[in-house]
PDB file of all heavy atoms in Angstrom:
ATOM      1  N   LEU A   1       6.823  -7.877  -9.074  1.00  0.00           N
ATOM      2  CA  LEU A   1       7.632  -6.731  -8.657  1.00  0.00           C
ATOM      3  C   LEU A   1       7.085  -5.428  -9.226  1.00  0.00           C
ATOM      4  O   LEU A   1       7.123  -4.380  -8.568  1.00  0.00           O
ATOM      5  CB  LEU A   1       9.085  -6.935  -9.092  1.00  0.00           C
ATOM      6  CG  LEU A   1       9.804  -8.104  -8.402  1.00  0.00           C
ATOM      7  CD1 LEU A   1      11.168  -8.339  -9.031  1.00  0.00           C
ATOM      8  CD2 LEU A   1       9.952  -7.835  -6.907  1.00  0.00           C
ATOM      9  N   LYS A   2       6.570  -5.502 -10.446  1.00  0.00           N
ATOM     10  CA  LYS A   2       5.956  -4.320 -11.059  1.00  0.00           C
ATOM     11  C   LYS A   2       4.720  -3.892 -10.264  1.00  0.00           C
ATOM     12  O   LYS A   2       4.529  -2.710  -9.973  1.00  0.00           O
ATOM     13  CB  LYS A   2       5.566  -4.623 -12.508  1.00  0.00           C
ATOM     14  CG  LYS A   2       4.878  -3.477 -13.250  1.00  0.00           C
ATOM     15  CD  LYS A   2       4.627  -3.859 -14.701  1.00  0.00           C
ATOM     16  CE  LYS A   2       3.920  -2.731 -15.447  1.00  0.00           C
ATOM     17  NZ  LYS A   2       2.532  -2.534 -14.962  1.00  0.00           N
ATOM     18  N   HIS A   3       3.894  -4.862  -9.907  1.00  0.00           N
ATOM     19  CA  HIS A   3       2.703  -4.560  -9.113  1.00  0.00           C
ATOM     20  C   HIS A   3       3.079  -3.979  -7.752  1.00  0.00           C
ATOM     21  O   HIS A   3       2.428  -3.052  -7.258  1.00  0.00           O
ATOM     22  CB  HIS A   3       1.882  -5.834  -8.906  1.00  0.00           C
ATOM     23  CG  HIS A   3       1.219  -6.321 -10.146  1.00  0.00           C
ATOM     24  ND1 HIS A   3       0.788  -7.622 -10.315  1.00  0.00           N
ATOM     25  CD2 HIS A   3       0.909  -5.678 -11.308  1.00  0.00           C
ATOM     26  CE1 HIS A   3       0.238  -7.753 -11.500  1.00  0.00           C
ATOM     27  NE2 HIS A   3       0.306  -6.596 -12.121  1.00  0.00           N
ATOM     28  N   LEU A   4       4.123  -4.518  -7.160  1.00  0.00           N
ATOM     29  CA  LEU A   4       4.554  -4.035  -5.851  1.00  0.00           C
ATOM     30  C   LEU A   4       5.056  -2.597  -5.926  1.00  0.00           C
ATOM     31  O   LEU A   4       4.760  -1.771  -5.049  1.00  0.00           O
ATOM     32  CB  LEU A   4       5.648  -4.953  -5.302  1.00  0.00           C
ATOM     33  CG  LEU A   4       5.976  -4.837  -3.817  1.00  0.00           C
ATOM     34  CD1 LEU A   4       4.732  -5.091  -2.981  1.00  0.00           C
ATOM     35  CD2 LEU A   4       7.075  -5.806  -3.441  1.00  0.00           C
ATOM     36  N   ASP A   5       5.790  -2.280  -6.978  1.00  0.00           N
ATOM     37  CA  ASP A   5       6.247  -0.902  -7.172  1.00  0.00           C
ATOM     38  C   ASP A   5       5.070   0.054  -7.330  1.00  0.00           C
ATOM     39  O   ASP A   5       5.078   1.173  -6.792  1.00  0.00           O
ATOM     40  CB  ASP A   5       7.144  -0.818  -8.412  1.00  0.00           C
ATOM     41  CG  ASP A   5       8.526  -1.389  -8.170  1.00  0.00           C
ATOM     42  OD1 ASP A   5       8.908  -1.517  -6.995  1.00  0.00           O
ATOM     43  OD2 ASP A   5       9.211  -1.724  -9.148  1.00  0.00           O
ATOM     44  N   GLU A   6       4.052  -0.387  -8.062  1.00  0.00           N
ATOM     45  CA  GLU A   6       2.883   0.466  -8.267  1.00  0.00           C
ATOM     46  C   GLU A   6       2.149   0.725  -6.955  1.00  0.00           C
ATOM     47  O   GLU A   6       1.725   1.854  -6.674  1.00  0.00           O
ATOM     48  CB  GLU A   6       1.938  -0.200  -9.273  1.00  0.00           C
ATOM     49  CG  GLU A   6       2.494  -0.232 -10.694  1.00  0.00           C
ATOM     50  CD  GLU A   6       1.659  -1.096 -11.628  1.00  0.00           C
ATOM     51  OE1 GLU A   6       0.753  -1.805 -11.136  1.00  0.00           O
ATOM     52  OE2 GLU A   6       1.921  -1.069 -12.847  1.00  0.00           O
ATOM     53  N   LEU A   7       1.999  -0.311  -6.153  1.00  0.00           N
ATOM     54  CA  LEU A   7       1.333  -0.142  -4.868  1.00  0.00           C
ATOM     55  C   LEU A   7       2.127   0.773  -3.941  1.00  0.00           C
ATOM     56  O   LEU A   7       1.551   1.582  -3.205  1.00  0.00           O
ATOM     57  CB  LEU A   7       1.112  -1.504  -4.201  1.00  0.00           C
ATOM     58  CG  LEU A   7       0.015  -2.376  -4.813  1.00  0.00           C
ATOM     59  CD1 LEU A   7       0.021  -3.754  -4.176  1.00  0.00           C
ATOM     60  CD2 LEU A   7      -1.351  -1.729  -4.637  1.00  0.00           C
ATOM     61  N   GLU A   8       3.449   0.650  -3.986  1.00  0.00           N
ATOM     62  CA  GLU A   8       4.280   1.517  -3.144  1.00  0.00           C
ATOM     63  C   GLU A   8       4.108   2.976  -3.549  1.00  0.00           C
ATOM     64  O   GLU A   8       3.992   3.863  -2.698  1.00  0.00           O
ATOM     65  CB  GLU A   8       5.747   1.116  -3.258  1.00  0.00           C
ATOM     66  CG  GLU A   8       6.655   1.974  -2.378  1.00  0.00           C
ATOM     67  CD  GLU A   8       8.131   1.645  -2.570  1.00  0.00           C
ATOM     68  OE1 GLU A   8       8.466   0.866  -3.475  1.00  0.00           O
ATOM     69  OE2 GLU A   8       8.942   2.185  -1.797  1.00  0.00           O
ATOM     70  N   ASN A   9       4.062   3.225  -4.851  1.00  0.00           N
ATOM     71  CA  ASN A   9       3.914   4.597  -5.333  1.00  0.00           C
ATOM     72  C   ASN A   9       2.538   5.180  -5.008  1.00  0.00           C
ATOM     73  O   ASN A   9       2.391   6.388  -4.805  1.00  0.00           O
ATOM     74  CB  ASN A   9       4.150   4.651  -6.841  1.00  0.00           C
ATOM     75  CG  ASN A   9       5.595   4.363  -7.211  1.00  0.00           C
ATOM     76  OD1 ASN A   9       6.505   4.619  -6.426  1.00  0.00           O
ATOM     77  ND2 ASN A   9       5.815   3.817  -8.397  1.00  0.00           N
ATOM     78  N   GLU A  10       1.536   4.302  -4.954  1.00  0.00           N
ATOM     79  CA  GLU A  10       0.170   4.750  -4.681  1.00  0.00           C
ATOM     80  C   GLU A  10      -0.127   4.862  -3.188  1.00  0.00           C
ATOM     81  O   GLU A  10      -1.156   5.409  -2.794  1.00  0.00           O
ATOM     82  CB  GLU A  10      -0.838   3.772  -5.302  1.00  0.00           C
ATOM     83  CG  GLU A  10      -0.743   3.674  -6.821  1.00  0.00           C
ATOM     84  CD  GLU A  10      -1.453   2.440  -7.358  1.00  0.00           C
ATOM     85  OE1 GLU A  10      -2.012   1.665  -6.536  1.00  0.00           O
ATOM     86  OE2 GLU A  10      -1.453   2.244  -8.585  1.00  0.00           O
ATOM     87  N   PHE A  11       0.769   4.375  -2.375  1.00  0.00           N
ATOM     88  CA  PHE A  11       0.486   4.210  -0.949  1.00  0.00           C
ATOM     89  C   PHE A  11       0.284   5.539  -0.243  1.00  0.00           C
ATOM     90  O   PHE A  11       1.080   6.453  -0.348  1.00  0.00           O
ATOM     91  CB  PHE A  11       1.645   3.448  -0.298  1.00  0.00           C
ATOM     92  CG  PHE A  11       1.543   3.333   1.198  1.00  0.00           C
ATOM     93  CD1 PHE A  11       0.606   2.499   1.775  1.00  0.00           C
ATOM     94  CD2 PHE A  11       2.384   4.057   2.036  1.00  0.00           C
ATOM     95  CE1 PHE A  11       0.509   2.386   3.153  1.00  0.00           C
ATOM     96  CE2 PHE A  11       2.297   3.949   3.414  1.00  0.00           C
ATOM     97  CZ  PHE A  11       1.354   3.110   3.971  1.00  0.00           C
ATOM     98  N   GLN A  12      -0.831   5.640   0.511  1.00  0.00           N
ATOM     99  CA  GLN A  12      -1.089   6.776   1.384  1.00  0.00           C
ATOM    100  C   GLN A  12      -1.660   6.227   2.678  1.00  0.00           C
ATOM    101  O   GLN A  12      -2.720   5.598   2.681  1.00  0.00           O
ATOM    102  CB  GLN A  12      -2.095   7.750   0.759  1.00  0.00           C
ATOM    103  CG  GLN A  12      -1.558   8.509  -0.440  1.00  0.00           C
ATOM    104  CD  GLN A  12      -0.489   9.520  -0.054  1.00  0.00           C
ATOM    105  OE1 GLN A  12      -0.522  10.056   1.050  1.00  0.00           O
ATOM    106  NE2 GLN A  12       0.445   9.781  -0.943  1.00  0.00           N
ATOM    107  N   PHE A  13      -0.970   6.457   3.793  1.00  0.00           N
ATOM    108  CA  PHE A  13      -1.459   5.934   5.065  1.00  0.00           C
ATOM    109  C   PHE A  13      -2.558   6.835   5.607  1.00  0.00           C
ATOM    110  O   PHE A  13      -2.530   8.033   5.425  1.00  0.00           O
ATOM    111  CB  PHE A  13      -0.324   5.848   6.080  1.00  0.00           C
ATOM    112  CG  PHE A  13      -0.643   4.961   7.251  1.00  0.00           C
ATOM    113  CD1 PHE A  13      -0.465   3.593   7.153  1.00  0.00           C
ATOM    114  CD2 PHE A  13      -1.140   5.488   8.419  1.00  0.00           C
ATOM    115  CE1 PHE A  13      -0.758   2.765   8.217  1.00  0.00           C
ATOM    116  CE2 PHE A  13      -1.442   4.675   9.490  1.00  0.00           C
ATOM    117  CZ  PHE A  13      -1.247   3.309   9.388  1.00  0.00           C
ATOM    118  N   SER A  14      -3.569   6.237   6.260  1.00  0.00           N
ATOM    119  CA  SER A  14      -4.674   6.976   6.852  1.00  0.00           C
ATOM    120  C   SER A  14      -4.697   6.748   8.349  1.00  0.00           C
ATOM    121  O   SER A  14      -4.540   5.617   8.802  1.00  0.00           O
ATOM    122  CB  SER A  14      -6.014   6.523   6.245  1.00  0.00           C
ATOM    123  OG  SER A  14      -7.094   7.058   6.979  1.00  0.00           O
ATOM    124  N   VAL A  15      -4.935   7.824   9.109  1.00  0.00           N
ATOM    125  CA  VAL A  15      -4.987   7.666  10.563  1.00  0.00           C
ATOM    126  C   VAL A  15      -6.220   6.901  11.012  1.00  0.00           C
ATOM    127  O   VAL A  15      -6.313   6.466  12.148  1.00  0.00           O
ATOM    128  CB  VAL A  15      -4.940   9.032  11.275  1.00  0.00           C
ATOM    129  CG1 VAL A  15      -3.624   9.711  11.056  1.00  0.00           C
ATOM    130  CG2 VAL A  15      -6.102   9.925  10.850  1.00  0.00           C
ATOM    131  N   VAL A  16      -7.208   6.749  10.113  1.00  0.00           N
ATOM    132  CA  VAL A  16      -8.357   5.924  10.451  1.00  0.00           C
ATOM    133  C   VAL A  16      -7.941   4.471  10.606  1.00  0.00           C
ATOM    134  O   VAL A  16      -8.513   3.712  11.373  1.00  0.00           O
ATOM    135  CB  VAL A  16      -9.456   6.048   9.373  1.00  0.00           C
ATOM    136  CG1 VAL A  16     -10.606   5.098   9.655  1.00  0.00           C
ATOM    137  CG2 VAL A  16      -9.960   7.480   9.289  1.00  0.00           C
ATOM    138  N   SER A  17      -6.925   4.075   9.863  1.00  0.00           N
ATOM    139  CA  SER A  17      -6.455   2.702   9.883  1.00  0.00           C
ATOM    140  C   SER A  17      -5.222   2.571  10.759  1.00  0.00           C
ATOM    141  O   SER A  17      -4.478   3.519  10.965  1.00  0.00           O
ATOM    142  CB  SER A  17      -6.119   2.256   8.466  1.00  0.00           C
ATOM    143  OG  SER A  17      -7.213   2.440   7.603  1.00  0.00           O
ATOM    144  N   GLU A  18      -5.008   1.377  11.269  1.00  0.00           N
ATOM    145  CA  GLU A  18      -3.791   1.097  12.011  1.00  0.00           C
ATOM    146  C   GLU A  18      -2.850   0.215  11.206  1.00  0.00           C
ATOM    147  O   GLU A  18      -1.690   0.080  11.561  1.00  0.00           O
ATOM    148  CB  GLU A  18      -4.142   0.443  13.349  1.00  0.00           C
ATOM    149  CG  GLU A  18      -4.832   1.403  14.291  1.00  0.00           C
ATOM    150  CD  GLU A  18      -4.940   0.867  15.703  1.00  0.00           C
ATOM    151  OE1 GLU A  18      -4.415  -0.231  15.966  1.00  0.00           O
ATOM    152  OE2 GLU A  18      -5.550   1.542  16.538  1.00  0.00           O
ATOM    153  N   SER A  19      -3.347  -0.413  10.146  1.00  0.00           N
ATOM    154  CA  SER A  19      -2.508  -1.280   9.322  1.00  0.00           C
ATOM    155  C   SER A  19      -2.980  -1.244   7.869  1.00  0.00           C
ATOM    156  O   SER A  19      -4.154  -0.987   7.597  1.00  0.00           O
ATOM    157  CB  SER A  19      -2.552  -2.730   9.821  1.00  0.00           C
ATOM    158  OG  SER A  19      -2.167  -2.823  11.173  1.00  0.00           O
ATOM    159  N   VAL A  20      -2.046  -1.504   6.981  1.00  0.00           N
ATOM    160  CA  VAL A  20      -2.358  -1.669   5.560  1.00  0.00           C
ATOM    161  C   VAL A  20      -1.799  -3.010   5.119  1.00  0.00           C
ATOM    162  O   VAL A  20      -0.679  -3.368   5.483  1.00  0.00           O
ATOM    163  CB  VAL A  20      -1.754  -0.537   4.703  1.00  0.00           C
ATOM    164  CG1 VAL A  20      -2.131  -0.724   3.240  1.00  0.00           C
ATOM    165  CG2 VAL A  20      -2.217   0.820   5.200  1.00  0.00           C
ATOM    166  N   ILE A  21      -2.603  -3.766   4.357  1.00  0.00           N
ATOM    167  CA  ILE A  21      -2.208  -5.099   3.923  1.00  0.00           C
ATOM    168  C   ILE A  21      -2.203  -5.147   2.403  1.00  0.00           C
ATOM    169  O   ILE A  21      -3.163  -4.716   1.750  1.00  0.00           O
ATOM    170  CB  ILE A  21      -3.169  -6.168   4.486  1.00  0.00           C
ATOM    171  CG1 ILE A  21      -3.213  -6.057   6.006  1.00  0.00           C
ATOM    172  CG2 ILE A  21      -2.739  -7.566   4.060  1.00  0.00           C
ATOM    173  CD1 ILE A  21      -4.271  -6.919   6.657  1.00  0.00           C
ATOM    174  N   PHE A  22      -1.121  -5.670   1.839  1.00  0.00           N
ATOM    175  CA  PHE A  22      -0.982  -5.804   0.397  1.00  0.00           C
ATOM    176  C   PHE A  22      -1.031  -7.280   0.009  1.00  0.00           C
ATOM    177  O   PHE A  22      -0.407  -8.119   0.662  1.00  0.00           O
ATOM    178  CB  PHE A  22       0.361  -5.220  -0.066  1.00  0.00           C
ATOM    179  CG  PHE A  22       0.523  -3.749   0.206  1.00  0.00           C
ATOM    180  CD1 PHE A  22       1.075  -3.301   1.403  1.00  0.00           C
ATOM    181  CD2 PHE A  22       0.135  -2.802  -0.726  1.00  0.00           C
ATOM    182  CE1 PHE A  22       1.229  -1.957   1.662  1.00  0.00           C
ATOM    183  CE2 PHE A  22       0.286  -1.453  -0.474  1.00  0.00           C
ATOM    184  CZ  PHE A  22       0.830  -1.024   0.714  1.00  0.00           C
ATOM    185  N   PHE A  23      -1.758  -7.571  -1.058  1.00  0.00           N
ATOM    186  CA  PHE A  23      -1.793  -8.909  -1.652  1.00  0.00           C
ATOM    187  C   PHE A  23      -1.288  -8.767  -3.080  1.00  0.00           C
ATOM    188  O   PHE A  23      -1.925  -8.105  -3.907  1.00  0.00           O
ATOM    189  CB  PHE A  23      -3.211  -9.472  -1.641  1.00  0.00           C
ATOM    190  CG  PHE A  23      -3.830  -9.554  -0.269  1.00  0.00           C
ATOM    191  CD1 PHE A  23      -4.713  -8.563   0.166  1.00  0.00           C
ATOM    192  CD2 PHE A  23      -3.534 -10.600   0.580  1.00  0.00           C
ATOM    193  CE1 PHE A  23      -5.287  -8.631   1.428  1.00  0.00           C
ATOM    194  CE2 PHE A  23      -4.098 -10.685   1.854  1.00  0.00           C
ATOM    195  CZ  PHE A  23      -4.975  -9.693   2.267  1.00  0.00           C
ATOM    196  N   VAL A  24      -0.148  -9.396  -3.380  1.00  0.00           N
ATOM    197  CA  VAL A  24       0.505  -9.164  -4.664  1.00  0.00           C
ATOM    198  C   VAL A  24       0.998 -10.485  -5.251  1.00  0.00           C
ATOM    199  O   VAL A  24       1.586 -11.308  -4.543  1.00  0.00           O
ATOM    200  CB  VAL A  24       1.707  -8.198  -4.519  1.00  0.00           C
ATOM    201  CG1 VAL A  24       2.227  -7.797  -5.893  1.00  0.00           C
ATOM    202  CG2 VAL A  24       1.333  -6.971  -3.711  1.00  0.00           C
TER     203      VAL A  24
END
């Protein structure tokens, strides 16, 4: 859950991509 919170806070979507995948 700590790792997931960190990834959420760091998240920035890019128009180059259509999807973002997290492995936690």
